[in-house]
Protein backbone atom coordinates (compact mmCIF):
# COMPACT_ATOMS: atom_id res chain seq x y z
CA UNK A 1 0.00 0.00 0.00
CA UNK A 2 2.00 2.97 -1.22
CA UNK A 3 2.08 6.03 0.95
CA UNK A 4 1.79 8.95 -1.43
CA UNK A 5 1.72 11.87 1.00
CA UNK A 6 1.89 12.83 4.67
CA UNK A 7 0.97 16.15 6.28
CA UNK A 8 -0.18 17.38 9.70
CA UNK A 9 -0.24 13.81 11.02
CA UNK A 10 -2.43 12.60 8.14
CA UNK A 11 -1.16 9.73 5.99
CA UNK A 12 -2.50 9.33 2.45
CA UNK A 13 -2.28 5.93 0.76
CA UNK A 14 -3.54 4.51 -2.49
CA UNK A 15 -3.99 0.78 -3.01
CA UNK A 16 -3.39 -0.84 -6.41
CA UNK A 17 -6.29 -2.57 -8.12
CA UNK A 18 -4.82 -5.00 -10.60
CA UNK A 19 -6.84 -6.27 -13.51
CA UNK A 20 -10.21 -4.65 -14.06
CA UNK A 21 -10.73 -1.99 -11.33
CA UNK A 22 -13.69 -2.70 -9.05
CA UNK A 23 -14.02 0.81 -7.66
CA UNK A 24 -14.03 4.40 -8.82
CA UNK A 25 -10.71 6.23 -8.36
CA UNK A 26 -10.17 6.84 -4.66
CA UNK A 27 -7.57 7.10 -1.90
CA UNK A 28 -7.38 6.33 1.80
CA UNK A 29 -6.57 8.82 4.58
CA UNK A 30 -5.45 7.89 8.10
CA UNK A 31 -5.24 10.04 11.22
CA UNK A 32 -4.74 8.80 14.79
CA UNK A 33 -6.64 5.56 14.33
CA UNK A 34 -9.37 7.05 12.13
CA UNK A 35 -9.67 5.97 8.50
CA UNK A 36 -11.54 7.52 5.59
CA UNK A 37 -11.87 6.74 1.90
CA UNK A 38 -12.28 9.65 -0.53
CA UNK A 39 -13.34 9.67 -4.17
CA UNK A 40 -11.02 11.69 -6.38
CA UNK A 41 -13.44 13.21 -8.86
CA UNK A 42 -15.38 14.83 -7.45
CA UNK A 43 -13.54 14.86 -4.14
CA UNK A 44 -15.99 13.39 -1.66
CA UNK A 45 -16.06 11.11 1.37
CA UNK A 46 -16.99 7.54 0.42
CA UNK A 47 -16.54 5.67 3.69
CA UNK A 48 -15.28 6.08 7.22
CA UNK A 49 -14.37 9.47 8.55
CA UNK A 50 -11.74 11.72 10.02
CA UNK A 51 -12.19 14.52 12.55
CA UNK A 52 -13.74 17.56 10.80
CA UNK A 53 -10.52 19.64 10.69
CA UNK A 54 -8.47 16.80 9.20
CA UNK A 55 -11.22 15.94 6.74
CA UNK A 56 -11.24 19.54 5.46
CA UNK A 57 -7.44 19.44 5.09
CA UNK A 58 -7.61 16.18 3.12
CA UNK A 59 -10.36 17.51 0.86
CA UNK A 60 -8.43 20.74 0.18
CA UNK A 61 -5.24 18.77 -0.54
CA UNK A 62 -7.12 16.44 -2.90
CA UNK A 63 -8.66 19.35 -4.83
CA UNK A 64 -5.21 20.87 -5.32
CA UNK A 65 -3.72 17.55 -6.47
CA UNK A 66 -6.68 15.99 -8.29
CA UNK A 67 -4.82 15.48 -11.59
CA UNK A 68 -1.84 13.77 -9.94
CA UNK A 69 -4.16 11.61 -7.84
CA UNK A 70 -5.93 10.41 -11.00
CA UNK A 71 -2.58 9.77 -12.71
CA UNK A 72 -1.47 7.73 -9.67
CA UNK A 73 -4.71 5.75 -9.77
CA UNK A 74 -4.16 4.86 -13.42
CA UNK A 75 -0.48 4.04 -12.81
CA UNK A 76 -1.30 1.66 -9.94
CA UNK A 77 -4.09 0.04 -11.92
CA UNK A 78 -1.58 -0.57 -14.74
CA UNK A 79 0.89 -2.15 -12.31
CA UNK A 80 3.22 0.84 -12.11
CA UNK A 81 4.36 2.78 -9.05
CA UNK A 82 2.52 5.82 -7.73
CA UNK A 83 4.35 9.13 -7.44
CA UNK A 84 4.67 10.98 -4.15
CA UNK A 85 2.51 14.07 -3.93
CA UNK A 86 3.54 17.27 -2.15
CA UNK A 87 1.96 17.71 1.29
CA UNK A 88 0.07 20.74 2.49
CA UNK A 89 2.43 23.12 4.19
PDB file of N, CA and C in Angstrom:
ATOM      1  N   UNK A   1       0.839  -1.182   0.000  1.00  0.00           N
ATOM      2  CA  UNK A   1       0.000   0.000   0.000  1.00  0.00           C
ATOM      3  C   UNK A   1       0.883   1.244   0.000  1.00  0.00           C
ATOM      4  N   UNK A   2       1.095   1.826  -1.140  1.00  0.00           N
ATOM      5  CA  UNK A   2       2.004   2.966  -1.223  1.00  0.00           C
ATOM      6  C   UNK A   2       1.486   4.197  -0.477  1.00  0.00           C
ATOM      7  N   UNK A   3       2.369   4.742   0.323  1.00  0.00           N
ATOM      8  CA  UNK A   3       2.079   6.028   0.948  1.00  0.00           C
ATOM      9  C   UNK A   3       2.454   7.093  -0.073  1.00  0.00           C
ATOM     10  N   UNK A   4       1.503   7.947  -0.410  1.00  0.00           N
ATOM     11  CA  UNK A   4       1.788   8.953  -1.430  1.00  0.00           C
ATOM     12  C   UNK A   4       1.967  10.351  -0.854  1.00  0.00           C
ATOM     13  N   UNK A   5       1.522  10.568   0.380  1.00  0.00           N
ATOM     14  CA  UNK A   5       1.725  11.873   1.004  1.00  0.00           C
ATOM     15  C   UNK A   5       1.502  11.764   2.507  1.00  0.00           C
ATOM     16  N   UNK A   6       2.056  12.750   3.216  1.00  0.00           N
ATOM     17  CA  UNK A   6       1.893  12.827   4.671  1.00  0.00           C
ATOM     18  C   UNK A   6       1.957  14.306   5.055  1.00  0.00           C
ATOM     19  N   UNK A   7       0.971  14.769   5.828  1.00  0.00           N
ATOM     20  CA  UNK A   7       0.966  16.155   6.283  1.00  0.00           C
ATOM     21  C   UNK A   7       0.096  16.285   7.524  1.00  0.00           C
ATOM     22  N   UNK A   8       0.550  17.101   8.456  1.00  0.00           N
ATOM     23  CA  UNK A   8      -0.184  17.384   9.699  1.00  0.00           C
ATOM     24  C   UNK A   8      -0.680  16.120  10.397  1.00  0.00           C
ATOM     25  N   UNK A   9       0.128  15.066  10.369  1.00  0.00           N
ATOM     26  CA  UNK A   9      -0.239  13.812  11.023  1.00  0.00           C
ATOM     27  C   UNK A   9      -1.178  12.930  10.219  1.00  0.00           C
ATOM     28  N   UNK A  10      -1.527  13.353   9.021  1.00  0.00           N
ATOM     29  CA  UNK A  10      -2.427  12.596   8.143  1.00  0.00           C
ATOM     30  C   UNK A  10      -1.573  11.833   7.138  1.00  0.00           C
ATOM     31  N   UNK A  11      -1.867  10.563   6.974  1.00  0.00           N
ATOM     32  CA  UNK A  11      -1.164   9.735   5.994  1.00  0.00           C
ATOM     33  C   UNK A  11      -2.141   9.415   4.864  1.00  0.00           C
ATOM     34  N   UNK A  12      -1.682   9.617   3.631  1.00  0.00           N
ATOM     35  CA  UNK A  12      -2.496   9.327   2.452  1.00  0.00           C
ATOM     36  C   UNK A  12      -1.882   8.124   1.741  1.00  0.00           C
ATOM     37  N   UNK A  13      -2.722   7.122   1.472  1.00  0.00           N
ATOM     38  CA  UNK A  13      -2.280   5.928   0.763  1.00  0.00           C
ATOM     39  C   UNK A  13      -3.252   5.632  -0.378  1.00  0.00           C
ATOM     40  N   UNK A  14      -2.716   4.951  -1.375  1.00  0.00           N
ATOM     41  CA  UNK A  14      -3.538   4.515  -2.492  1.00  0.00           C
ATOM     42  C   UNK A  14      -3.181   3.061  -2.768  1.00  0.00           C
ATOM     43  N   UNK A  15      -4.186   2.210  -2.808  1.00  0.00           N
ATOM     44  CA  UNK A  15      -3.989   0.781  -3.012  1.00  0.00           C
ATOM     45  C   UNK A  15      -4.121   0.439  -4.498  1.00  0.00           C
ATOM     46  N   UNK A  16      -3.257  -0.436  -5.013  1.00  0.00           N
ATOM     47  CA  UNK A  16      -3.394  -0.842  -6.411  1.00  0.00           C
ATOM     48  C   UNK A  16      -4.581  -1.778  -6.597  1.00  0.00           C
ATOM     49  N   UNK A  17      -5.237  -1.638  -7.714  1.00  0.00           N
ATOM     50  CA  UNK A  17      -6.286  -2.566  -8.119  1.00  0.00           C
ATOM     51  C   UNK A  17      -5.825  -3.165  -9.434  1.00  0.00           C
ATOM     52  N   UNK A  18      -5.313  -4.363  -9.386  1.00  0.00           N
ATOM     53  CA  UNK A  18      -4.824  -4.998 -10.598  1.00  0.00           C
ATOM     54  C   UNK A  18      -5.988  -5.593 -11.380  1.00  0.00           C
ATOM     55  N   UNK A  19      -5.775  -5.760 -12.667  1.00  0.00           N
ATOM     56  CA  UNK A  19      -6.843  -6.270 -13.514  1.00  0.00           C
ATOM     57  C   UNK A  19      -7.887  -5.192 -13.733  1.00  0.00           C
ATOM     58  N   UNK A  20      -9.110  -5.599 -13.855  1.00  0.00           N
ATOM     59  CA  UNK A  20     -10.209  -4.652 -14.056  1.00  0.00           C
ATOM     60  C   UNK A  20     -10.555  -4.002 -12.720  1.00  0.00           C
ATOM     61  N   UNK A  21     -10.431  -2.652 -12.603  1.00  0.00           N
ATOM     62  CA  UNK A  21     -10.735  -1.994 -11.327  1.00  0.00           C
ATOM     63  C   UNK A  21     -12.183  -2.240 -10.891  1.00  0.00           C
ATOM     64  N   UNK A  22     -12.357  -2.449  -9.601  1.00  0.00           N
ATOM     65  CA  UNK A  22     -13.687  -2.699  -9.047  1.00  0.00           C
ATOM     66  C   UNK A  22     -14.339  -1.432  -8.505  1.00  0.00           C
ATOM     67  N   UNK A  23     -13.525  -0.402  -8.302  1.00  0.00           N
ATOM     68  CA  UNK A  23     -14.021   0.811  -7.662  1.00  0.00           C
ATOM     69  C   UNK A  23     -13.688   2.038  -8.502  1.00  0.00           C
ATOM     70  N   UNK A  24     -14.397   3.121  -8.224  1.00  0.00           N
ATOM     71  CA  UNK A  24     -14.034   4.404  -8.823  1.00  0.00           C
ATOM     72  C   UNK A  24     -12.716   4.862  -8.212  1.00  0.00           C
ATOM     73  N   UNK A  25     -11.975   5.733  -8.907  1.00  0.00           N
ATOM     74  CA  UNK A  25     -10.709   6.228  -8.363  1.00  0.00           C
ATOM     75  C   UNK A  25     -10.890   6.826  -6.966  1.00  0.00           C
ATOM     76  N   UNK A  26     -10.042   6.386  -6.041  1.00  0.00           N
ATOM     77  CA  UNK A  26     -10.168   6.842  -4.656  1.00  0.00           C
ATOM     78  C   UNK A  26      -8.825   6.686  -3.943  1.00  0.00           C
ATOM     79  N   UNK A  27      -8.755   7.239  -2.741  1.00  0.00           N
ATOM     80  CA  UNK A  27      -7.569   7.096  -1.897  1.00  0.00           C
ATOM     81  C   UNK A  27      -8.021   6.970  -0.455  1.00  0.00           C
ATOM     82  N   UNK A  28      -7.101   6.555   0.392  1.00  0.00           N
ATOM     83  CA  UNK A  28      -7.382   6.334   1.804  1.00  0.00           C
ATOM     84  C   UNK A  28      -6.595   7.346   2.629  1.00  0.00           C
ATOM     85  N   UNK A  29      -7.224   7.873   3.668  1.00  0.00           N
ATOM     86  CA  UNK A  29      -6.568   8.824   4.577  1.00  0.00           C
ATOM     87  C   UNK A  29      -6.653   8.257   5.992  1.00  0.00           C
ATOM     88  N   UNK A  30      -5.557   8.419   6.742  1.00  0.00           N
ATOM     89  CA  UNK A  30      -5.449   7.891   8.103  1.00  0.00           C
ATOM     90  C   UNK A  30      -4.992   8.994   9.037  1.00  0.00           C
ATOM     91  N   UNK A  31      -5.630   9.064  10.196  1.00  0.00           N
ATOM     92  CA  UNK A  31      -5.241  10.044  11.215  1.00  0.00           C
ATOM     93  C   UNK A  31      -5.583   9.483  12.584  1.00  0.00           C
ATOM     94  N   UNK A  32      -4.576   9.249  13.397  1.00  0.00           N
ATOM     95  CA  UNK A  32      -4.738   8.799  14.786  1.00  0.00           C
ATOM     96  C   UNK A  32      -5.808   7.725  14.952  1.00  0.00           C
ATOM     97  N   UNK A  33      -5.711   6.670  14.189  1.00  0.00           N
ATOM     98  CA  UNK A  33      -6.643   5.556  14.325  1.00  0.00           C
ATOM     99  C   UNK A  33      -7.926   5.689  13.529  1.00  0.00           C
ATOM    100  N   UNK A  34      -8.184   6.857  12.968  1.00  0.00           N
ATOM    101  CA  UNK A  34      -9.367   7.051  12.128  1.00  0.00           C
ATOM    102  C   UNK A  34      -8.973   6.816  10.673  1.00  0.00           C
ATOM    103  N   UNK A  35      -9.902   6.260   9.909  1.00  0.00           N
ATOM    104  CA  UNK A  35      -9.670   5.971   8.499  1.00  0.00           C
ATOM    105  C   UNK A  35     -10.830   6.505   7.676  1.00  0.00           C
ATOM    106  N   UNK A  36     -10.507   7.045   6.501  1.00  0.00           N
ATOM    107  CA  UNK A  36     -11.542   7.521   5.591  1.00  0.00           C
ATOM    108  C   UNK A  36     -11.122   7.203   4.168  1.00  0.00           C
ATOM    109  N   UNK A  37     -12.111   6.979   3.320  1.00  0.00           N
ATOM    110  CA  UNK A  37     -11.871   6.739   1.903  1.00  0.00           C
ATOM    111  C   UNK A  37     -12.553   7.873   1.143  1.00  0.00           C
ATOM    112  N   UNK A  38     -11.783   8.506   0.237  1.00  0.00           N
ATOM    113  CA  UNK A  38     -12.283   9.654  -0.527  1.00  0.00           C
ATOM    114  C   UNK A  38     -12.253   9.363  -2.015  1.00  0.00           C
ATOM    115  N   UNK A  39     -13.330   9.696  -2.705  1.00  0.00           N
ATOM    116  CA  UNK A  39     -13.344   9.669  -4.166  1.00  0.00           C
ATOM    117  C   UNK A  39     -12.481  10.825  -4.655  1.00  0.00           C
ATOM    118  N   UNK A  40     -11.892  10.653  -5.844  1.00  0.00           N
ATOM    119  CA  UNK A  40     -11.016  11.686  -6.379  1.00  0.00           C
ATOM    120  C   UNK A  40     -11.790  12.715  -7.199  1.00  0.00           C
ATOM    121  N   UNK A  41     -12.740  12.263  -8.000  1.00  0.00           N
ATOM    122  CA  UNK A  41     -13.436  13.212  -8.862  1.00  0.00           C
ATOM    123  C   UNK A  41     -14.918  12.882  -8.918  1.00  0.00           C
ATOM    124  N   UNK A  42     -15.732  13.686  -8.289  1.00  0.00           N
ATOM    125  CA  UNK A  42     -15.384  14.826  -7.452  1.00  0.00           C
ATOM    126  C   UNK A  42     -14.855  14.346  -6.094  1.00  0.00           C
ATOM    127  N   UNK A  43     -14.065  15.191  -5.454  1.00  0.00           N
ATOM    128  CA  UNK A  43     -13.536  14.861  -4.136  1.00  0.00           C
ATOM    129  C   UNK A  43     -14.715  14.773  -3.172  1.00  0.00           C
ATOM    130  N   UNK A  44     -14.888  13.591  -2.595  1.00  0.00           N
ATOM    131  CA  UNK A  44     -15.994  13.393  -1.655  1.00  0.00           C
ATOM    132  C   UNK A  44     -15.693  12.182  -0.781  1.00  0.00           C
ATOM    133  N   UNK A  45     -16.232  12.205   0.419  1.00  0.00           N
ATOM    134  CA  UNK A  45     -16.061  11.113   1.366  1.00  0.00           C
ATOM    135  C   UNK A  45     -16.914   9.927   0.921  1.00  0.00           C
ATOM    136  N   UNK A  46     -16.277   8.767   0.800  1.00  0.00           N
ATOM    137  CA  UNK A  46     -16.989   7.540   0.420  1.00  0.00           C
ATOM    138  C   UNK A  46     -17.311   6.660   1.615  1.00  0.00           C
ATOM    139  N   UNK A  47     -16.366   6.585   2.549  1.00  0.00           N
ATOM    140  CA  UNK A  47     -16.545   5.672   3.688  1.00  0.00           C
ATOM    141  C   UNK A  47     -15.674   6.134   4.842  1.00  0.00           C
ATOM    142  N   UNK A  48     -16.059   5.742   6.031  1.00  0.00           N
ATOM    143  CA  UNK A  48     -15.282   6.077   7.219  1.00  0.00           C
ATOM    144  C   UNK A  48     -15.383   7.556   7.544  1.00  0.00           C
ATOM    145  N   UNK A  49     -14.368   8.060   8.216  1.00  0.00           N
ATOM    146  CA  UNK A  49     -14.375   9.473   8.553  1.00  0.00           C
ATOM    147  C   UNK A  49     -13.172   9.863   9.373  1.00  0.00           C
ATOM    148  N   UNK A  50     -12.795  11.101   9.236  1.00  0.00           N
ATOM    149  CA  UNK A  50     -11.738  11.721  10.025  1.00  0.00           C
ATOM    150  C   UNK A  50     -12.370  12.831  10.846  1.00  0.00           C
ATOM    151  N   UNK A  51     -11.682  13.340  11.858  1.00  0.00           N
ATOM    152  CA  UNK A  51     -12.194  14.523  12.545  1.00  0.00           C
ATOM    153  C   UNK A  51     -12.421  15.653  11.531  1.00  0.00           C
ATOM    154  N   UNK A  52     -13.376  16.526  11.776  1.00  0.00           N
ATOM    155  CA  UNK A  52     -13.735  17.563  10.801  1.00  0.00           C
ATOM    156  C   UNK A  52     -12.551  18.382  10.272  1.00  0.00           C
ATOM    157  N   UNK A  53     -11.657  18.820  11.142  1.00  0.00           N
ATOM    158  CA  UNK A  53     -10.524  19.639  10.690  1.00  0.00           C
ATOM    159  C   UNK A  53      -9.645  18.853   9.720  1.00  0.00           C
ATOM    160  N   UNK A  54      -9.325  17.613  10.053  1.00  0.00           N
ATOM    161  CA  UNK A  54      -8.472  16.805   9.203  1.00  0.00           C
ATOM    162  C   UNK A  54      -9.178  16.451   7.894  1.00  0.00           C
ATOM    163  N   UNK A  55     -10.463  16.225   7.958  1.00  0.00           N
ATOM    164  CA  UNK A  55     -11.219  15.938   6.741  1.00  0.00           C
ATOM    165  C   UNK A  55     -11.169  17.129   5.781  1.00  0.00           C
ATOM    166  N   UNK A  56     -11.322  18.342   6.303  1.00  0.00           N
ATOM    167  CA  UNK A  56     -11.239  19.545   5.455  1.00  0.00           C
ATOM    168  C   UNK A  56      -9.849  19.681   4.841  1.00  0.00           C
ATOM    169  N   UNK A  57      -8.811  19.372   5.626  1.00  0.00           N
ATOM    170  CA  UNK A  57      -7.442  19.439   5.094  1.00  0.00           C
ATOM    171  C   UNK A  57      -7.253  18.429   3.967  1.00  0.00           C
ATOM    172  N   UNK A  58      -7.730  17.212   4.153  1.00  0.00           N
ATOM    173  CA  UNK A  58      -7.605  16.176   3.124  1.00  0.00           C
ATOM    174  C   UNK A  58      -8.362  16.598   1.868  1.00  0.00           C
ATOM    175  N   UNK A  59      -9.569  17.105   2.020  1.00  0.00           N
ATOM    176  CA  UNK A  59     -10.359  17.515   0.863  1.00  0.00           C
ATOM    177  C   UNK A  59      -9.685  18.662   0.109  1.00  0.00           C
ATOM    178  N   UNK A  60      -9.130  19.627   0.829  1.00  0.00           N
ATOM    179  CA  UNK A  60      -8.428  20.740   0.182  1.00  0.00           C
ATOM    180  C   UNK A  60      -7.192  20.220  -0.558  1.00  0.00           C
ATOM    181  N   UNK A  61      -6.422  19.352   0.084  1.00  0.00           N
ATOM    182  CA  UNK A  61      -5.236  18.768  -0.538  1.00  0.00           C
ATOM    183  C   UNK A  61      -5.617  18.016  -1.815  1.00  0.00           C
ATOM    184  N   UNK A  62      -6.686  17.230  -1.750  1.00  0.00           N
ATOM    185  CA  UNK A  62      -7.122  16.438  -2.903  1.00  0.00           C
ATOM    186  C   UNK A  62      -7.575  17.324  -4.056  1.00  0.00           C
ATOM    187  N   UNK A  63      -8.249  18.420  -3.760  1.00  0.00           N
ATOM    188  CA  UNK A  63      -8.663  19.347  -4.827  1.00  0.00           C
ATOM    189  C   UNK A  63      -7.443  19.935  -5.528  1.00  0.00           C
ATOM    190  N   UNK A  64      -6.436  20.292  -4.747  1.00  0.00           N
ATOM    191  CA  UNK A  64      -5.213  20.872  -5.316  1.00  0.00           C
ATOM    192  C   UNK A  64      -4.493  19.854  -6.203  1.00  0.00           C
ATOM    193  N   UNK A  65      -4.511  18.583  -5.805  1.00  0.00           N
ATOM    194  CA  UNK A  65      -3.716  17.553  -6.473  1.00  0.00           C
ATOM    195  C   UNK A  65      -4.558  16.534  -7.242  1.00  0.00           C
ATOM    196  N   UNK A  66      -5.758  16.925  -7.650  1.00  0.00           N
ATOM    197  CA  UNK A  66      -6.683  15.992  -8.294  1.00  0.00           C
ATOM    198  C   UNK A  66      -6.072  15.309  -9.523  1.00  0.00           C
ATOM    199  N   UNK A  67      -5.379  16.061 -10.370  1.00  0.00           N
ATOM    200  CA  UNK A  67      -4.818  15.481 -11.594  1.00  0.00           C
ATOM    201  C   UNK A  67      -3.750  14.432 -11.283  1.00  0.00           C
ATOM    202  N   UNK A  68      -2.886  14.724 -10.310  1.00  0.00           N
ATOM    203  CA  UNK A  68      -1.837  13.770  -9.940  1.00  0.00           C
ATOM    204  C   UNK A  68      -2.454  12.538  -9.265  1.00  0.00           C
ATOM    205  N   UNK A  69      -3.475  12.741  -8.467  1.00  0.00           N
ATOM    206  CA  UNK A  69      -4.160  11.606  -7.845  1.00  0.00           C
ATOM    207  C   UNK A  69      -4.737  10.671  -8.910  1.00  0.00           C
ATOM    208  N   UNK A  70      -5.380  11.234  -9.920  1.00  0.00           N
ATOM    209  CA  UNK A  70      -5.933  10.408 -10.995  1.00  0.00           C
ATOM    210  C   UNK A  70      -4.819   9.699 -11.769  1.00  0.00           C
ATOM    211  N   UNK A  71      -3.715  10.395 -12.021  1.00  0.00           N
ATOM    212  CA  UNK A  71      -2.579   9.773 -12.707  1.00  0.00           C
ATOM    213  C   UNK A  71      -2.020   8.618 -11.872  1.00  0.00           C
ATOM    214  N   UNK A  72      -1.934   8.810 -10.558  1.00  0.00           N
ATOM    215  CA  UNK A  72      -1.475   7.735  -9.670  1.00  0.00           C
ATOM    216  C   UNK A  72      -2.427   6.543  -9.714  1.00  0.00           C
ATOM    217  N   UNK A  73      -3.714   6.820  -9.706  1.00  0.00           N
ATOM    218  CA  UNK A  73      -4.710   5.749  -9.766  1.00  0.00           C
ATOM    219  C   UNK A  73      -4.500   4.903 -11.027  1.00  0.00           C
ATOM    220  N   UNK A  74      -4.338   5.578 -12.156  1.00  0.00           N
ATOM    221  CA  UNK A  74      -4.158   4.863 -13.420  1.00  0.00           C
ATOM    222  C   UNK A  74      -2.822   4.118 -13.443  1.00  0.00           C
ATOM    223  N   UNK A  75      -1.781   4.704 -12.874  1.00  0.00           N
ATOM    224  CA  UNK A  75      -0.476   4.036 -12.807  1.00  0.00           C
ATOM    225  C   UNK A  75      -0.568   2.758 -11.974  1.00  0.00           C
ATOM    226  N   UNK A  76      -1.166   2.845 -10.801  1.00  0.00           N
ATOM    227  CA  UNK A  76      -1.295   1.665  -9.941  1.00  0.00           C
ATOM    228  C   UNK A  76      -2.145   0.581 -10.593  1.00  0.00           C
ATOM    229  N   UNK A  77      -3.216   0.994 -11.249  1.00  0.00           N
ATOM    230  CA  UNK A  77      -4.089   0.037 -11.922  1.00  0.00           C
ATOM    231  C   UNK A  77      -3.340  -0.690 -13.043  1.00  0.00           C
ATOM    232  N   UNK A  78      -2.376   0.015 -13.664  1.00  0.00           N
ATOM    233  CA  UNK A  78      -1.583  -0.572 -14.739  1.00  0.00           C
ATOM    234  C   UNK A  78      -0.362  -1.328 -14.216  1.00  0.00           C
ATOM    235  N   UNK A  79      -0.221  -1.418 -12.901  1.00  0.00           N
ATOM    236  CA  UNK A  79       0.889  -2.152 -12.311  1.00  0.00           C
ATOM    237  C   UNK A  79       2.157  -1.338 -12.145  1.00  0.00           C
ATOM    238  N   UNK A  80       2.056  -0.018 -12.298  1.00  0.00           N
ATOM    239  CA  UNK A  80       3.222   0.844 -12.111  1.00  0.00           C
ATOM    240  C   UNK A  80       3.175   1.476 -10.723  1.00  0.00           C
ATOM    241  N   UNK A  81       4.267   2.117 -10.356  1.00  0.00           N
ATOM    242  CA  UNK A  81       4.360   2.784  -9.050  1.00  0.00           C
ATOM    243  C   UNK A  81       3.629   4.123  -9.070  1.00  0.00           C
ATOM    244  N   UNK A  82       3.127   4.498  -7.906  1.00  0.00           N
ATOM    245  CA  UNK A  82       2.519   5.825  -7.733  1.00  0.00           C
ATOM    246  C   UNK A  82       3.606   6.824  -7.364  1.00  0.00           C
ATOM    247  N   UNK A  83       3.432   8.062  -7.802  1.00  0.00           N
ATOM    248  CA  UNK A  83       4.352   9.132  -7.443  1.00  0.00           C
ATOM    249  C   UNK A  83       3.959   9.720  -6.094  1.00  0.00           C
ATOM    250  N   UNK A  84       4.953  10.214  -5.375  1.00  0.00           N
ATOM    251  CA  UNK A  84       4.674  10.979  -4.148  1.00  0.00           C
ATOM    252  C   UNK A  84       4.031  12.301  -4.549  1.00  0.00           C
ATOM    253  N   UNK A  85       3.192  12.811  -3.672  1.00  0.00           N
ATOM    254  CA  UNK A  85       2.511  14.074  -3.927  1.00  0.00           C
ATOM    255  C   UNK A  85       2.873  15.024  -2.798  1.00  0.00           C
ATOM    256  N   UNK A  86       3.152  16.263  -3.154  1.00  0.00           N
ATOM    257  CA  UNK A  86       3.535  17.270  -2.150  1.00  0.00           C
ATOM    258  C   UNK A  86       2.464  17.380  -1.063  1.00  0.00           C
ATOM    259  N   UNK A  87       2.913  17.522   0.179  1.00  0.00           N
ATOM    260  CA  UNK A  87       1.963  17.705   1.287  1.00  0.00           C
ATOM    261  C   UNK A  87       1.466  19.148   1.341  1.00  0.00           C
ATOM    262  N   UNK A  88       0.456  19.366   2.145  1.00  0.00           N
ATOM    263  CA  UNK A  88       0.067  20.735   2.487  1.00  0.00           C
ATOM    264  C   UNK A  88       1.147  21.272   3.394  1.00  0.00           C
ATOM    265  N   UNK A  89       1.397  22.551   3.301  1.00  0.00           N
ATOM    266  CA  UNK A  89       2.426  23.121   4.186  1.00  0.00           C
ATOM    267  C   UNK A  89       1.923  24.400   4.815  1.00  0.00           C
TER     268      UNK A  89
END
